[in-house]
PDB file of N, CA and C in Angstrom:
ATOM      1  N   MET A   1      52.144  -9.059  30.365  1.00  0.00           N
ATOM      2  CA  MET A   1      51.691  -8.533  28.778  1.00  0.00           C
ATOM      3  C   MET A   1      50.409  -9.750  28.635  1.00  0.00           C
ATOM      4  N   LEU A   2      50.860 -10.985  28.951  1.00  0.00           N
ATOM      5  CA  LEU A   2      49.741 -11.989  28.690  1.00  0.00           C
ATOM      6  C   LEU A   2      48.551 -11.976  29.208  1.00  0.00           C
ATOM      7  N   ILE A   3      48.715 -11.530  30.780  1.00  0.00           N
ATOM      8  CA  ILE A   3      47.466 -11.190  31.655  1.00  0.00           C
ATOM      9  C   ILE A   3      46.674 -10.125  30.782  1.00  0.00           C
ATOM     10  N   SER A   4      47.399  -8.982  30.169  1.00  0.00           N
ATOM     11  CA  SER A   4      46.512  -7.888  30.223  1.00  0.00           C
ATOM     12  C   SER A   4      45.597  -8.285  28.606  1.00  0.00           C
ATOM     13  N   LEU A   5      46.436  -9.258  27.662  1.00  0.00           N
ATOM     14  CA  LEU A   5      45.759  -9.691  26.564  1.00  0.00           C
ATOM     15  C   LEU A   5      44.784 -10.577  26.865  1.00  0.00           C
ATOM     16  N   SER A   6      44.772 -11.366  27.974  1.00  0.00           N
ATOM     17  CA  SER A   6      43.660 -12.420  28.157  1.00  0.00           C
ATOM     18  C   SER A   6      42.554 -11.591  29.040  1.00  0.00           C
ATOM     19  N   LEU A   7      43.301 -10.747  29.735  1.00  0.00           N
ATOM     20  CA  LEU A   7      41.717  -9.871  30.122  1.00  0.00           C
ATOM     21  C   LEU A   7      41.020  -9.092  29.124  1.00  0.00           C
ATOM     22  N   VAL A   8      41.530  -8.505  27.896  1.00  0.00           N
ATOM     23  CA  VAL A   8      40.763  -7.727  26.656  1.00  0.00           C
ATOM     24  C   VAL A   8      39.960  -8.716  25.887  1.00  0.00           C
ATOM     25  N   LEU A   9      40.381  -9.821  26.105  1.00  0.00           N
ATOM     26  CA  LEU A   9      39.490 -11.263  25.154  1.00  0.00           C
ATOM     27  C   LEU A   9      38.620 -11.376  26.236  1.00  0.00           C
ATOM     28  N   VAL A  10      38.650 -11.675  27.795  1.00  0.00           N
ATOM     29  CA  VAL A  10      37.724 -11.509  28.149  1.00  0.00           C
ATOM     30  C   VAL A  10      36.819 -10.645  28.367  1.00  0.00           C
ATOM     31  N   LEU A  11      37.004  -9.620  28.364  1.00  0.00           N
ATOM     32  CA  LEU A  11      36.087  -8.314  28.156  1.00  0.00           C
ATOM     33  C   LEU A  11      35.539  -8.189  26.901  1.00  0.00           C
ATOM     34  N   LEU A  12      36.088  -8.504  25.597  1.00  0.00           N
ATOM     35  CA  LEU A  12      35.389  -8.364  24.420  1.00  0.00           C
ATOM     36  C   LEU A  12      34.439  -9.436  23.930  1.00  0.00           C
ATOM     37  N   ILE A  13      34.726 -10.623  24.895  1.00  0.00           N
ATOM     38  CA  ILE A  13      34.081 -11.903  24.440  1.00  0.00           C
ATOM     39  C   ILE A  13      32.652 -11.342  25.427  1.00  0.00           C
ATOM     40  N   SER A  14      32.934 -10.974  26.690  1.00  0.00           N
ATOM     41  CA  SER A  14      31.842 -10.266  27.758  1.00  0.00           C
ATOM     42  C   SER A  14      30.389  -9.272  27.194  1.00  0.00           C
ATOM     43  N   CYS A  15      31.556  -8.985  26.243  1.00  0.00           N
ATOM     44  CA  CYS A  15      30.526  -7.308  25.804  1.00  0.00           C
ATOM     45  C   CYS A  15      29.760  -7.926  24.444  1.00  0.00           C
ATOM     46  N   GLU A  16      30.169  -8.969  23.540  1.00  0.00           N
ATOM     47  CA  GLU A  16      29.811  -9.427  22.573  1.00  0.00           C
ATOM     48  C   GLU A  16      28.291 -10.331  22.783  1.00  0.00           C
ATOM     49  N   SER A  17      28.644 -11.099  24.428  1.00  0.00           N
ATOM     50  CA  SER A  17      26.999 -11.993  24.460  1.00  0.00           C
ATOM     51  C   SER A  17      26.108 -10.679  25.151  1.00  0.00           C
ATOM     52  N   GLN A  18      26.210  -9.725  25.648  1.00  0.00           N
ATOM     53  CA  GLN A  18      25.493  -9.155  26.135  1.00  0.00           C
ATOM     54  C   GLN A  18      24.109  -8.320  25.265  1.00  0.00           C
ATOM     55  N   PRO A  19      22.776  -8.602  25.185  1.00  0.00           N
ATOM     56  CA  PRO A  19      22.287  -7.924  23.749  1.00  0.00           C
ATOM     57  C   PRO A  19      22.306  -6.712  24.037  1.00  0.00           C
ATOM     58  N   LYS A  20      22.234  -5.902  22.680  1.00  0.00           N
ATOM     59  CA  LYS A  20      22.248  -4.763  22.434  1.00  0.00           C
ATOM     60  C   LYS A  20      20.930  -3.919  22.786  1.00  0.00           C
ATOM     61  N   ALA A  21      20.914  -2.872  23.843  1.00  0.00           N
ATOM     62  CA  ALA A  21      19.527  -2.319  24.371  1.00  0.00           C
ATOM     63  C   ALA A  21      19.257  -1.227  23.483  1.00  0.00           C
ATOM     64  N   ARG A  22      18.026  -1.049  22.981  1.00  0.00           N
ATOM     65  CA  ARG A  22      17.429  -0.004  21.968  1.00  0.00           C
ATOM     66  C   ARG A  22      16.840   1.019  22.932  1.00  0.00           C
ATOM     67  N   PRO A  23      17.570   2.325  22.751  1.00  0.00           N
ATOM     68  CA  PRO A  23      16.463   3.280  23.519  1.00  0.00           C
ATOM     69  C   PRO A  23      14.933   3.296  23.120  1.00  0.00           C
ATOM     70  N   ILE A  24      13.800   3.388  23.783  1.00  0.00           N
ATOM     71  CA  ILE A  24      12.870   3.228  23.819  1.00  0.00           C
ATOM     72  C   ILE A  24      12.208   4.810  23.554  1.00  0.00           C
ATOM     73  N   PRO A  25      11.575   5.223  22.545  1.00  0.00           N
ATOM     74  CA  PRO A  25      10.926   6.853  22.386  1.00  0.00           C
ATOM     75  C   PRO A  25      10.111   6.956  23.100  1.00  0.00           C
ATOM     76  N   SER A  26      10.558   8.286  23.843  1.00  0.00           N
ATOM     77  CA  SER A  26       9.688   8.476  24.796  1.00  0.00           C
ATOM     78  C   SER A  26       8.257   9.544  24.446  1.00  0.00           C
ATOM     79  N   THR A  27       8.122  10.093  22.894  1.00  0.00           N
ATOM     80  CA  THR A  27       7.340  10.640  22.652  1.00  0.00           C
ATOM     81  C   THR A  27       6.853   9.990  21.446  1.00  0.00           C
ATOM     82  N   THR A  28       5.770  10.396  20.850  1.00  0.00           N
ATOM     83  CA  THR A  28       5.443   9.960  19.142  1.00  0.00           C
ATOM     84  C   THR A  28       6.289  10.801  17.964  1.00  0.00           C
ATOM     85  N   PRO A  29       6.898   9.878  17.376  1.00  0.00           N
ATOM     86  CA  PRO A  29       7.559  10.263  16.414  1.00  0.00           C
ATOM     87  C   PRO A  29       6.404  11.557  15.569  1.00  0.00           C
ATOM     88  N   VAL A  30       7.621  12.736  15.331  1.00  0.00           N
ATOM     89  CA  VAL A  30       6.839  13.461  14.263  1.00  0.00           C
ATOM     90  C   VAL A  30       7.739  14.033  13.087  1.00  0.00           C
ATOM     91  N   LEU A  31       6.672  14.026  11.874  1.00  0.00           N
ATOM     92  CA  LEU A  31       6.837  13.900  10.610  1.00  0.00           C
ATOM     93  C   LEU A  31       7.352  15.526  10.488  1.00  0.00           C
ATOM     94  N   THR A  32       8.545  15.713  10.073  1.00  0.00           N
ATOM     95  CA  THR A  32       8.957  17.213   9.983  1.00  0.00           C
ATOM     96  C   THR A  32       9.665  17.044   8.495  1.00  0.00           C
ATOM     97  N   THR A  33       9.609  18.440   7.611  1.00  0.00           N
ATOM     98  CA  THR A  33       9.908  18.814   6.450  1.00  0.00           C
ATOM     99  C   THR A  33      10.961  19.643   6.523  1.00  0.00           C
ATOM    100  N   LEU A  34      12.115  19.212   6.000  1.00  0.00           N
ATOM    101  CA  LEU A  34      13.330  20.111   6.384  1.00  0.00           C
ATOM    102  C   LEU A  34      12.955  21.399   6.004  1.00  0.00           C
ATOM    103  N   ARG A  35      12.613  20.933   4.357  1.00  0.00           N
ATOM    104  CA  ARG A  35      12.539  21.739   2.908  1.00  0.00           C
ATOM    105  C   ARG A  35      11.026  22.152   2.912  1.00  0.00           C
ATOM    106  N   PRO A  36      10.688  23.001   3.812  1.00  0.00           N
ATOM    107  CA  PRO A  36       9.397  23.511   3.544  1.00  0.00           C
ATOM    108  C   PRO A  36       8.678  23.616   1.987  1.00  0.00           C
ATOM    109  N   GLU A  37       9.857  24.546   1.275  1.00  0.00           N
ATOM    110  CA  GLU A  37       9.476  24.617  -0.199  1.00  0.00           C
ATOM    111  C   GLU A  37       9.235  23.421  -0.962  1.00  0.00           C
ATOM    112  N   LEU A  38       9.653  22.558  -0.574  1.00  0.00           N
ATOM    113  CA  LEU A  38       9.508  21.376  -1.525  1.00  0.00           C
ATOM    114  C   LEU A  38       7.920  20.614  -1.276  1.00  0.00           C
ATOM    115  N   THR A  39       7.236  21.235  -0.229  1.00  0.00           N
ATOM    116  CA  THR A  39       6.203  20.678   0.413  1.00  0.00           C
ATOM    117  C   THR A  39       5.243  20.890  -0.536  1.00  0.00           C
ATOM    118  N   THR A  40       3.887  19.937  -0.911  1.00  0.00           N
ATOM    119  CA  THR A  40       3.087  20.794  -1.687  1.00  0.00           C
ATOM    120  C   THR A  40       1.903  20.006  -1.243  1.00  0.00           C
ATOM    121  N   THR A  41       0.880  21.091  -1.364  1.00  0.00           N
ATOM    122  CA  THR A  41      -0.381  20.672  -0.271  1.00  0.00           C
ATOM    123  C   THR A  41      -1.827  21.229  -1.639  1.00  0.00           C
ATOM    124  N   THR A  42      -2.489  20.324  -1.977  1.00  0.00           N
ATOM    125  CA  THR A  42      -3.505  20.575  -2.765  1.00  0.00           C
ATOM    126  C   THR A  42      -4.880  20.495  -1.839  1.00  0.00           C
ATOM    127  N   THR A  43      -5.854  21.233  -2.765  1.00  0.00           N
ATOM    128  CA  THR A  43      -7.463  21.096  -2.432  1.00  0.00           C
ATOM    129  C   THR A  43      -8.001  20.249  -3.198  1.00  0.00           C
ATOM    130  N   GLU A  44      -7.392  19.451  -3.981  1.00  0.00           N
ATOM    131  CA  GLU A  44      -8.552  18.848  -5.135  1.00  0.00           C
ATOM    132  C   GLU A  44      -8.909  17.686  -4.431  1.00  0.00           C
ATOM    133  N   LYS A  45     -10.107  17.472  -4.811  1.00  0.00           N
ATOM    134  CA  LYS A  45     -10.645  15.784  -3.954  1.00  0.00           C
ATOM    135  C   LYS A  45      -9.861  14.616  -4.517  1.00  0.00           C
ATOM    136  N   VAL A  46      -9.525  14.099  -3.703  1.00  0.00           N
ATOM    137  CA  VAL A  46      -8.827  12.716  -4.117  1.00  0.00           C
ATOM    138  C   VAL A  46      -9.892  11.559  -3.866  1.00  0.00           C
ATOM    139  N   ILE A  47     -10.258  10.663  -5.048  1.00  0.00           N
ATOM    140  CA  ILE A  47     -10.746   9.773  -5.575  1.00  0.00           C
ATOM    141  C   ILE A  47     -10.348   8.317  -5.053  1.00  0.00           C
ATOM    142  N   GLN A  48     -10.985   7.644  -4.425  1.00  0.00           N
ATOM    143  CA  GLN A  48     -10.678   6.494  -3.484  1.00  0.00           C
ATOM    144  C   GLN A  48     -11.317   5.509  -4.707  1.00  0.00           C
ATOM    145  N   ARG A  49     -10.100   4.922  -5.385  1.00  0.00           N
ATOM    146  CA  ARG A  49     -10.895   3.372  -6.304  1.00  0.00           C
ATOM    147  C   ARG A  49     -11.377   2.396  -4.881  1.00  0.00           C
ATOM    148  N   MET A  50     -12.703   1.861  -5.433  1.00  0.00           N
ATOM    149  CA  MET A  50     -13.137   0.582  -4.633  1.00  0.00           C
ATOM    150  C   MET A  50     -12.724  -0.414  -5.358  1.00  0.00           C
ATOM    151  N   ALA A  51     -12.558  -1.849  -4.875  1.00  0.00           N
ATOM    152  CA  ALA A  51     -11.849  -3.075  -5.245  1.00  0.00           C
ATOM    153  C   ALA A  51     -13.343  -3.710  -4.830  1.00  0.00           C
ATOM    154  N   TYR A  52     -13.421  -4.525  -6.322  1.00  0.00           N
ATOM    155  CA  TYR A  52     -14.589  -5.708  -6.072  1.00  0.00           C
ATOM    156  C   TYR A  52     -13.919  -7.100  -6.506  1.00  0.00           C
ATOM    157  N   THR A  53     -14.454  -7.884  -5.761  1.00  0.00           N
ATOM    158  CA  THR A  53     -14.087  -9.535  -6.047  1.00  0.00           C
ATOM    159  C   THR A  53     -14.995 -10.306  -6.474  1.00  0.00           C
ATOM    160  N   VAL A  54     -14.813 -10.205  -7.965  1.00  0.00           N
ATOM    161  CA  VAL A  54     -16.101 -11.271  -8.730  1.00  0.00           C
ATOM    162  C   VAL A  54     -16.331 -12.584  -8.131  1.00  0.00           C
ATOM    163  N   GLN A  55     -17.838 -12.771  -7.886  1.00  0.00           N
ATOM    164  CA  GLN A  55     -18.283 -13.567  -7.641  1.00  0.00           C
ATOM    165  C   GLN A  55     -18.893 -14.622  -9.010  1.00  0.00           C
ATOM    166  N   PRO A  56     -19.238 -15.658  -8.723  1.00  0.00           N
ATOM    167  CA  PRO A  56     -20.187 -16.713  -9.747  1.00  0.00           C
ATOM    168  C   PRO A  56     -21.191 -16.047 -10.027  1.00  0.00           C
ATOM    169  N   GLY A  57     -21.196 -15.996 -11.559  1.00  0.00           N
ATOM    170  CA  GLY A  57     -22.174 -15.417 -12.316  1.00  0.00           C
ATOM    171  C   GLY A  57     -22.069 -14.041 -12.599  1.00  0.00           C
ATOM    172  N   ASP A  58     -20.851 -12.900 -12.021  1.00  0.00           N
ATOM    173  CA  ASP A  58     -20.850 -11.955 -12.644  1.00  0.00           C
ATOM    174  C   ASP A  58     -20.301 -11.922 -14.313  1.00  0.00           C
ATOM    175  N   THR A  59     -20.801 -10.557 -14.649  1.00  0.00           N
ATOM    176  CA  THR A  59     -20.143 -10.327 -15.823  1.00  0.00           C
ATOM    177  C   THR A  59     -19.768  -8.896 -15.895  1.00  0.00           C
ATOM    178  N   LEU A  60     -18.921  -8.079 -16.599  1.00  0.00           N
ATOM    179  CA  LEU A  60     -18.745  -6.759 -16.596  1.00  0.00           C
ATOM    180  C   LEU A  60     -20.012  -5.927 -16.635  1.00  0.00           C
ATOM    181  N   GLY A  61     -20.919  -5.950 -17.545  1.00  0.00           N
ATOM    182  CA  GLY A  61     -21.883  -5.606 -17.482  1.00  0.00           C
ATOM    183  C   GLY A  61     -22.799  -5.504 -16.348  1.00  0.00           C
ATOM    184  N   LYS A  62     -22.997  -6.617 -15.271  1.00  0.00           N
ATOM    185  CA  LYS A  62     -23.750  -6.861 -14.342  1.00  0.00           C
ATOM    186  C   LYS A  62     -22.892  -5.702 -13.279  1.00  0.00           C
ATOM    187  N   ILE A  63     -21.572  -5.828 -13.263  1.00  0.00           N
ATOM    188  CA  ILE A  63     -20.459  -5.164 -12.378  1.00  0.00           C
ATOM    189  C   ILE A  63     -20.580  -3.699 -12.676  1.00  0.00           C
ATOM    190  N   ALA A  64     -20.986  -3.448 -13.896  1.00  0.00           N
ATOM    191  CA  ALA A  64     -20.438  -2.295 -14.350  1.00  0.00           C
ATOM    192  C   ALA A  64     -22.203  -1.417 -13.784  1.00  0.00           C
ATOM    193  N   LYS A  65     -23.163  -2.173 -14.339  1.00  0.00           N
ATOM    194  CA  LYS A  65     -24.220  -1.247 -14.074  1.00  0.00           C
ATOM    195  C   LYS A  65     -24.459  -1.494 -12.481  1.00  0.00           C
ATOM    196  N   ALA A  66     -24.352  -2.328 -11.565  1.00  0.00           N
ATOM    197  CA  ALA A  66     -23.927  -2.453 -10.174  1.00  0.00           C
ATOM    198  C   ALA A  66     -23.632  -1.098  -9.358  1.00  0.00           C
ATOM    199  N   PHE A  67     -22.305  -0.784 -10.166  1.00  0.00           N
ATOM    200  CA  PHE A  67     -21.492   0.785  -9.646  1.00  0.00           C
ATOM    201  C   PHE A  67     -21.376   1.840 -11.006  1.00  0.00           C
ATOM    202  N   ASN A  68     -22.717   2.113 -11.297  1.00  0.00           N
ATOM    203  CA  ASN A  68     -22.687   3.211 -12.299  1.00  0.00           C
ATOM    204  C   ASN A  68     -21.577   3.427 -13.137  1.00  0.00           C
ATOM    205  N   VAL A  69     -21.358   2.613 -13.772  1.00  0.00           N
ATOM    206  CA  VAL A  69     -19.820   2.718 -14.683  1.00  0.00           C
ATOM    207  C   VAL A  69     -20.132   2.215 -15.918  1.00  0.00           C
ATOM    208  N   SER A  70     -19.569   2.368 -17.430  1.00  0.00           N
ATOM    209  CA  SER A  70     -19.718   1.345 -18.304  1.00  0.00           C
ATOM    210  C   SER A  70     -18.595   0.526 -18.143  1.00  0.00           C
ATOM    211  N   VAL A  71     -18.785  -0.658 -19.073  1.00  0.00           N
ATOM    212  CA  VAL A  71     -18.189  -1.515 -19.367  1.00  0.00           C
ATOM    213  C   VAL A  71     -17.025  -0.968 -19.707  1.00  0.00           C
ATOM    214  N   SER A  72     -16.557  -0.028 -20.647  1.00  0.00           N
ATOM    215  CA  SER A  72     -15.629   0.239 -21.145  1.00  0.00           C
ATOM    216  C   SER A  72     -14.922   0.849 -19.959  1.00  0.00           C
ATOM    217  N   GLU A  73     -15.150   1.900 -19.130  1.00  0.00           N
ATOM    218  CA  GLU A  73     -14.436   2.549 -18.110  1.00  0.00           C
ATOM    219  C   GLU A  73     -14.186   1.110 -17.104  1.00  0.00           C
ATOM    220  N   LEU A  74     -14.787   0.308 -16.908  1.00  0.00           N
ATOM    221  CA  LEU A  74     -14.221  -0.700 -16.065  1.00  0.00           C
ATOM    222  C   LEU A  74     -13.579  -1.584 -16.731  1.00  0.00           C
ATOM    223  N   MET A  75     -13.563  -1.938 -17.613  1.00  0.00           N
ATOM    224  CA  MET A  75     -12.354  -2.551 -18.546  1.00  0.00           C
ATOM    225  C   MET A  75     -11.011  -1.524 -18.756  1.00  0.00           C
ATOM    226  N   ARG A  76     -11.145  -0.214 -18.644  1.00  0.00           N
ATOM    227  CA  ARG A  76      -9.961   0.618 -18.949  1.00  0.00           C
ATOM    228  C   ARG A  76      -9.435   0.681 -17.660  1.00  0.00           C
ATOM    229  N   GLU A  77      -9.968   0.391 -16.760  1.00  0.00           N
ATOM    230  CA  GLU A  77      -9.548   0.971 -15.245  1.00  0.00           C
ATOM    231  C   GLU A  77      -8.539  -0.450 -15.008  1.00  0.00           C
ATOM    232  N   ASN A  78      -8.982  -1.470 -15.155  1.00  0.00           N
ATOM    233  CA  ASN A  78      -8.354  -2.399 -15.506  1.00  0.00           C
ATOM    234  C   ASN A  78      -7.649  -3.632 -16.229  1.00  0.00           C
ATOM    235  N   GLY A  79      -7.223  -2.544 -16.832  1.00  0.00           N
ATOM    236  CA  GLY A  79      -6.825  -3.135 -18.337  1.00  0.00           C
ATOM    237  C   GLY A  79      -6.760  -4.294 -18.810  1.00  0.00           C
ATOM    238  N   LYS A  80      -8.101  -4.416 -18.896  1.00  0.00           N
ATOM    239  CA  LYS A  80      -8.714  -5.325 -19.606  1.00  0.00           C
ATOM    240  C   LYS A  80      -9.005  -5.433 -21.441  1.00  0.00           C
ATOM    241  N   GLU A  81      -8.591  -6.281 -21.857  1.00  0.00           N
ATOM    242  CA  GLU A  81      -8.733  -6.243 -23.148  1.00  0.00           C
ATOM    243  C   GLU A  81      -9.882  -7.071 -23.576  1.00  0.00           C
ATOM    244  N   ASP A  82     -10.265  -7.943 -23.016  1.00  0.00           N
ATOM    245  CA  ASP A  82     -11.519  -8.681 -23.063  1.00  0.00           C
ATOM    246  C   ASP A  82     -12.264  -9.137 -22.053  1.00  0.00           C
ATOM    247  N   THR A  83     -13.772  -9.553 -22.271  1.00  0.00           N
ATOM    248  CA  THR A  83     -14.667  -9.461 -21.092  1.00  0.00           C
ATOM    249  C   THR A  83     -14.581 -10.870 -19.826  1.00  0.00           C
ATOM    250  N   ILE A  84     -13.355 -11.401 -20.414  1.00  0.00           N
ATOM    251  CA  ILE A  84     -13.229 -12.875 -19.819  1.00  0.00           C
ATOM    252  C   ILE A  84     -13.111 -12.333 -17.959  1.00  0.00           C
ATOM    253  N   LEU A  85     -13.791 -13.144 -17.626  1.00  0.00           N
ATOM    254  CA  LEU A  85     -13.707 -13.112 -15.636  1.00  0.00           C
ATOM    255  C   LEU A  85     -13.186 -13.866 -14.979  1.00  0.00           C
ATOM    256  N   GLY A  86     -12.572 -13.951 -14.023  1.00  0.00           N
ATOM    257  CA  GLY A  86     -12.190 -15.142 -13.075  1.00  0.00           C
ATOM    258  C   GLY A  86     -12.926 -15.269 -11.908  1.00  0.00           C
ATOM    259  N   ILE A  87     -13.418 -15.879 -10.955  1.00  0.00           N
ATOM    260  CA  ILE A  87     -14.090 -16.184  -9.824  1.00  0.00           C
ATOM    261  C   ILE A  87     -12.862 -15.392  -9.053  1.00  0.00           C
ATOM    262  N   GLY A  88     -13.320 -14.869  -8.278  1.00  0.00           N
ATOM    263  CA  GLY A  88     -12.140 -14.361  -7.161  1.00  0.00           C
ATOM    264  C   GLY A  88     -11.118 -13.114  -7.535  1.00  0.00           C
ATOM    265  N   GLU A  89     -11.223 -13.021  -9.145  1.00  0.00           N
ATOM    266  CA  GLU A  89     -10.301 -11.394  -9.269  1.00  0.00           C
ATOM    267  C   GLU A  89     -10.919 -10.428  -8.964  1.00  0.00           C
ATOM    268  N   THR A  90      -9.806  -9.295  -9.077  1.00  0.00           N
ATOM    269  CA  THR A  90     -10.306  -8.043  -7.987  1.00  0.00           C
ATOM    270  C   THR A  90     -10.454  -7.127  -9.420  1.00  0.00           C
ATOM    271  N   LEU A  91     -11.108  -6.575  -9.335  1.00  0.00           N
ATOM    272  CA  LEU A  91     -11.712  -5.423  -9.938  1.00  0.00           C
ATOM    273  C   LEU A  91     -11.437  -4.392  -9.280  1.00  0.00           C
ATOM    274  N   PHE A  92     -10.922  -2.959 -10.013  1.00  0.00           N
ATOM    275  CA  PHE A  92     -11.152  -1.954  -9.385  1.00  0.00           C
ATOM    276  C   PHE A  92     -12.061  -1.117 -10.058  1.00  0.00           C
ATOM    277  N   ILE A  93     -12.854  -0.421  -9.497  1.00  0.00           N
ATOM    278  CA  ILE A  93     -14.094   0.144 -10.132  1.00  0.00           C
ATOM    279  C   ILE A  93     -14.003   2.047 -10.407  1.00  0.00           C
ATOM    280  N   PRO A  94     -13.961   2.400 -11.314  1.00  0.00           N
ATOM    281  CA  PRO A  94     -13.830   3.646 -11.573  1.00  0.00           C
ATOM    282  C   PRO A  94     -14.847   4.644 -11.090  1.00  0.00           C
ATOM    283  N   PRO A  95     -14.328   5.844 -10.574  1.00  0.00           N
ATOM    284  CA  PRO A  95     -15.409   6.927 -10.198  1.00  0.00           C
ATOM    285  C   PRO A  95     -16.361   6.609 -11.345  1.00  0.00           C
ATOM    286  N   PRO A  96     -17.533   6.862 -10.686  1.00  0.00           N
ATOM    287  CA  PRO A  96     -19.210   6.656 -11.303  1.00  0.00           C
ATOM    288  C   PRO A  96     -19.001   7.705 -12.565  1.00  0.00           C
ATOM    289  N   SER A  97     -19.901   7.412 -13.251  1.00  0.00           N
ATOM    290  CA  SER A  97     -20.012   8.081 -14.625  1.00  0.00           C
ATOM    291  C   SER A  97     -21.387   8.275 -14.496  1.00  0.00           C
ATOM    292  N   ASN A  98     -21.478   9.408 -15.839  1.00  0.00           N
ATOM    293  CA  ASN A  98     -23.184   9.598 -16.099  1.00  0.00           C
ATOM    294  C   ASN A  98     -23.770   8.645 -17.287  1.00  0.00           C
ATOM    295  N   ASP A  99     -22.745   8.593 -17.873  1.00  0.00           N
ATOM    296  CA  ASP A  99     -23.278   7.532 -19.147  1.00  0.00           C
ATOM    297  C   ASP A  99     -22.958   5.507 -19.027  1.00  0.00           C
ATOM    298  N   ILE A 100     -23.920   4.878 -18.919  1.00  0.00           N
ATOM    299  CA  ILE A 100     -24.025   3.550 -18.741  1.00  0.00           C
ATOM    300  C   ILE A 100     -24.219   2.907 -19.668  1.00  0.00           C
ATOM    301  N   SER A 101     -24.326   3.625 -20.946  1.00  0.00           N
ATOM    302  CA  SER A 101     -24.814   2.825 -22.117  1.00  0.00           C
ATOM    303  C   SER A 101     -24.465   1.634 -22.557  1.00  0.00           C
ATOM    304  N   GLU A 102     -23.074   1.161 -21.917  1.00  0.00           N
ATOM    305  CA  GLU A 102     -22.553   0.049 -22.813  1.00  0.00           C
ATOM    306  C   GLU A 102     -23.086  -1.106 -22.262  1.00  0.00           C
TER     307      GLU A 102
END
């Protein structure tokens, strides 16, 4: 009994010290939809927002004019309540508008 118990302990210890092998996939993973009725497709144009890093001497007016947007649109897009900018601050540029009167 003592010999069989020591054998079991030796086997357990040797199994724990061996690294666990992970299988390497032989094919590229494929995204599958199990419930196609919940999958939506759209033909709407996806609008990408640009990011701009504030440089020394920049103002909201200069940035807005350069990207053909209004100052108010630029402020709204970035949740700004004032026109104070920090050098290195990242601003997200909204899609261009036709009215740049501000």
